[in-house]
Amino acid sequence: MLGELLKNARIAAGMTQEDLAFKAGVDRSYVSMLERDLKSPTLQMLFRICRATGASPTRIVSELERNASGNSM
């Protein structure tokens, strides 16, 4: 779920995974793992990715919360 939101933010910014990785200072394979929900970012990394894409961390977390509230945990 978070991976899809991060991917959408990257695409909306017109960036490739390589572009995002360079701007956020991480490896492209890490971006790929995040987008496929194979890894979860730390809060610090979430802010770095949001800063790199221009996305709002608050919007990302709010949307994640909204999606999660529709599912029973």
N, C-alpha and C. Protein backbone atom coordinates (compact mmCIF):
# COMPACT_ATOMS: atom_id res chain seq x y z
N MET A 1 0.82 -1.18 0.00
CA MET A 1 0.00 0.00 0.00
C MET A 1 0.87 1.26 0.00
N LEU A 2 1.82 1.35 0.91
CA LEU A 2 2.71 2.50 0.95
C LEU A 2 3.55 2.55 -0.31
N GLY A 3 3.98 1.40 -0.79
CA GLY A 3 4.78 1.35 -1.99
C GLY A 3 4.08 1.97 -3.19
N GLU A 4 2.80 1.70 -3.31
CA GLU A 4 2.02 2.26 -4.42
C GLU A 4 1.93 3.77 -4.29
N LEU A 5 1.76 4.27 -3.08
CA LEU A 5 1.70 5.72 -2.86
C LEU A 5 3.03 6.37 -3.21
N LEU A 6 4.13 5.74 -2.83
CA LEU A 6 5.45 6.29 -3.16
C LEU A 6 5.71 6.26 -4.66
N LYS A 7 5.30 5.18 -5.30
CA LYS A 7 5.45 5.08 -6.75
C LYS A 7 4.64 6.16 -7.44
N ASN A 8 3.40 6.37 -7.00
CA ASN A 8 2.55 7.40 -7.60
C ASN A 8 3.17 8.79 -7.43
N ALA A 9 3.77 9.04 -6.27
CA ALA A 9 4.42 10.33 -6.03
C ALA A 9 5.61 10.50 -6.96
N ARG A 10 6.37 9.43 -7.16
CA ARG A 10 7.53 9.49 -8.06
C ARG A 10 7.08 9.75 -9.49
N ILE A 11 6.07 9.04 -9.94
CA ILE A 11 5.57 9.21 -11.30
C ILE A 11 4.99 10.61 -11.49
N ALA A 12 4.25 11.10 -10.49
CA ALA A 12 3.68 12.45 -10.57
C ALA A 12 4.78 13.50 -10.68
N ALA A 13 5.93 13.21 -10.10
CA ALA A 13 7.07 14.14 -10.17
C ALA A 13 7.83 13.98 -11.48
N GLY A 14 7.42 13.03 -12.31
CA GLY A 14 8.10 12.81 -13.59
C GLY A 14 9.48 12.23 -13.43
N MET A 15 9.65 11.40 -12.41
CA MET A 15 10.97 10.83 -12.11
C MET A 15 11.00 9.34 -12.38
N THR A 16 12.18 8.86 -12.77
CA THR A 16 12.41 7.42 -12.83
C THR A 16 12.87 6.98 -11.44
N GLN A 17 12.95 5.68 -11.26
CA GLN A 17 13.48 5.17 -9.99
C GLN A 17 14.92 5.64 -9.81
N GLU A 18 15.68 5.68 -10.89
CA GLU A 18 17.06 6.15 -10.80
C GLU A 18 17.14 7.62 -10.41
N ASP A 19 16.25 8.44 -10.99
CA ASP A 19 16.21 9.86 -10.62
C ASP A 19 15.96 10.03 -9.14
N LEU A 20 14.95 9.32 -8.65
CA LEU A 20 14.57 9.41 -7.24
C LEU A 20 15.70 8.91 -6.34
N ALA A 21 16.28 7.80 -6.72
CA ALA A 21 17.37 7.24 -5.92
C ALA A 21 18.52 8.24 -5.80
N PHE A 22 18.89 8.86 -6.91
CA PHE A 22 19.98 9.83 -6.89
C PHE A 22 19.62 11.01 -6.00
N LYS A 23 18.42 11.54 -6.18
CA LYS A 23 18.02 12.73 -5.43
C LYS A 23 17.86 12.44 -3.94
N ALA A 24 17.42 11.24 -3.60
CA ALA A 24 17.23 10.87 -2.19
C ALA A 24 18.49 10.28 -1.57
N GLY A 25 19.50 10.00 -2.39
CA GLY A 25 20.75 9.47 -1.88
C GLY A 25 20.69 8.01 -1.47
N VAL A 26 19.93 7.22 -2.25
CA VAL A 26 19.81 5.79 -1.97
C VAL A 26 20.05 5.02 -3.27
N ASP A 27 20.12 3.71 -3.17
CA ASP A 27 20.29 2.87 -4.34
C ASP A 27 18.95 2.67 -5.04
N ARG A 28 18.99 2.54 -6.38
CA ARG A 28 17.76 2.33 -7.14
C ARG A 28 17.04 1.06 -6.71
N SER A 29 17.79 0.03 -6.37
CA SER A 29 17.15 -1.23 -5.96
C SER A 29 16.34 -1.03 -4.66
N TYR A 30 16.79 -0.12 -3.80
CA TYR A 30 16.04 0.18 -2.57
C TYR A 30 14.72 0.85 -2.92
N VAL A 31 14.74 1.78 -3.86
CA VAL A 31 13.50 2.42 -4.30
C VAL A 31 12.54 1.37 -4.85
N SER A 32 13.06 0.46 -5.64
CA SER A 32 12.25 -0.62 -6.20
C SER A 32 11.62 -1.47 -5.10
N MET A 33 12.41 -1.82 -4.09
CA MET A 33 11.88 -2.64 -2.98
C MET A 33 10.81 -1.88 -2.20
N LEU A 34 10.99 -0.58 -2.02
CA LEU A 34 9.97 0.22 -1.34
C LEU A 34 8.67 0.21 -2.14
N GLU A 35 8.78 0.43 -3.43
CA GLU A 35 7.60 0.51 -4.28
C GLU A 35 6.86 -0.81 -4.38
N ARG A 36 7.57 -1.92 -4.19
CA ARG A 36 6.93 -3.24 -4.22
C ARG A 36 6.56 -3.73 -2.83
N ASP A 37 6.66 -2.84 -1.84
CA ASP A 37 6.34 -3.17 -0.44
C ASP A 37 7.17 -4.33 0.10
N LEU A 38 8.39 -4.48 -0.39
CA LEU A 38 9.29 -5.49 0.13
C LEU A 38 10.11 -4.94 1.30
N LYS A 39 10.19 -3.63 1.37
CA LYS A 39 10.87 -2.92 2.46
C LYS A 39 9.95 -1.80 2.93
N SER A 40 10.12 -1.42 4.18
CA SER A 40 9.40 -0.26 4.73
C SER A 40 10.43 0.81 5.07
N PRO A 41 10.15 2.05 4.65
CA PRO A 41 11.12 3.10 4.93
C PRO A 41 11.07 3.55 6.38
N THR A 42 12.19 4.00 6.88
CA THR A 42 12.17 4.67 8.19
C THR A 42 11.45 5.99 7.99
N LEU A 43 11.09 6.63 9.06
CA LEU A 43 10.43 7.93 8.97
C LEU A 43 11.36 8.93 8.29
N GLN A 44 12.64 8.89 8.64
CA GLN A 44 13.61 9.78 8.02
C GLN A 44 13.67 9.56 6.52
N MET A 45 13.67 8.30 6.10
CA MET A 45 13.72 7.99 4.67
C MET A 45 12.44 8.42 3.97
N LEU A 46 11.31 8.27 4.61
CA LEU A 46 10.04 8.72 4.03
C LEU A 46 10.11 10.22 3.76
N PHE A 47 10.65 10.99 4.70
CA PHE A 47 10.79 12.43 4.50
C PHE A 47 11.76 12.74 3.36
N ARG A 48 12.84 11.99 3.25
CA ARG A 48 13.79 12.22 2.16
C ARG A 48 13.15 11.96 0.80
N ILE A 49 12.39 10.89 0.72
CA ILE A 49 11.72 10.55 -0.54
C ILE A 49 10.66 11.59 -0.88
N CYS A 50 9.90 12.01 0.12
CA CYS A 50 8.89 13.04 -0.11
C CYS A 50 9.53 14.35 -0.55
N ARG A 51 10.62 14.71 0.09
CA ARG A 51 11.33 15.93 -0.28
C ARG A 51 11.82 15.83 -1.73
N ALA A 52 12.33 14.67 -2.11
CA ALA A 52 12.86 14.48 -3.46
C ALA A 52 11.76 14.53 -4.52
N THR A 53 10.58 14.05 -4.19
CA THR A 53 9.48 14.01 -5.17
C THR A 53 8.58 15.24 -5.08
N GLY A 54 8.71 16.00 -3.99
CA GLY A 54 7.83 17.14 -3.79
C GLY A 54 6.49 16.76 -3.20
N ALA A 55 6.37 15.51 -2.77
CA ALA A 55 5.12 15.03 -2.16
C ALA A 55 5.06 15.45 -0.70
N SER A 56 3.86 15.55 -0.19
CA SER A 56 3.67 15.90 1.22
C SER A 56 3.67 14.63 2.07
N PRO A 57 4.57 14.53 3.04
CA PRO A 57 4.56 13.36 3.92
C PRO A 57 3.22 13.22 4.64
N THR A 58 2.62 14.34 4.99
CA THR A 58 1.33 14.32 5.67
C THR A 58 0.26 13.70 4.78
N ARG A 59 0.27 14.06 3.50
CA ARG A 59 -0.72 13.51 2.57
C ARG A 59 -0.50 12.01 2.38
N ILE A 60 0.76 11.61 2.27
CA ILE A 60 1.07 10.18 2.09
C ILE A 60 0.57 9.38 3.29
N VAL A 61 0.89 9.83 4.50
CA VAL A 61 0.49 9.11 5.71
C VAL A 61 -1.02 9.14 5.88
N SER A 62 -1.65 10.27 5.58
CA SER A 62 -3.11 10.37 5.69
C SER A 62 -3.80 9.39 4.74
N GLU A 63 -3.29 9.32 3.51
CA GLU A 63 -3.88 8.40 2.54
C GLU A 63 -3.65 6.95 2.97
N LEU A 64 -2.49 6.68 3.50
CA LEU A 64 -2.19 5.34 4.00
C LEU A 64 -3.14 4.98 5.15
N GLU A 65 -3.36 5.92 6.03
CA GLU A 65 -4.28 5.70 7.16
C GLU A 65 -5.70 5.49 6.67
N ARG A 66 -6.11 6.29 5.69
CA ARG A 66 -7.47 6.17 5.13
C ARG A 66 -7.66 4.80 4.51
N ASN A 67 -6.65 4.34 3.75
CA ASN A 67 -6.74 3.02 3.12
C ASN A 67 -6.75 1.90 4.16
N ALA A 68 -5.97 2.06 5.20
CA ALA A 68 -5.88 1.02 6.25
C ALA A 68 -7.16 0.95 7.06
N SER A 69 -7.84 2.08 7.24
CA SER A 69 -9.05 2.07 8.06
C SER A 69 -10.19 1.30 7.39
N GLY A 70 -10.10 1.11 6.08
CA GLY A 70 -11.10 0.33 5.37
C GLY A 70 -10.87 -1.16 5.51
N ASN A 71 -9.69 -1.55 6.00
CA ASN A 71 -9.34 -2.95 6.19
C ASN A 71 -9.30 -3.24 7.68
N SER A 72 -9.74 -4.41 8.07
CA SER A 72 -9.65 -4.77 9.48
C SER A 72 -8.25 -5.23 9.79
N MET A 73 -7.71 -4.77 10.90
CA MET A 73 -6.34 -5.13 11.30
C MET A 73 -6.37 -6.05 12.47
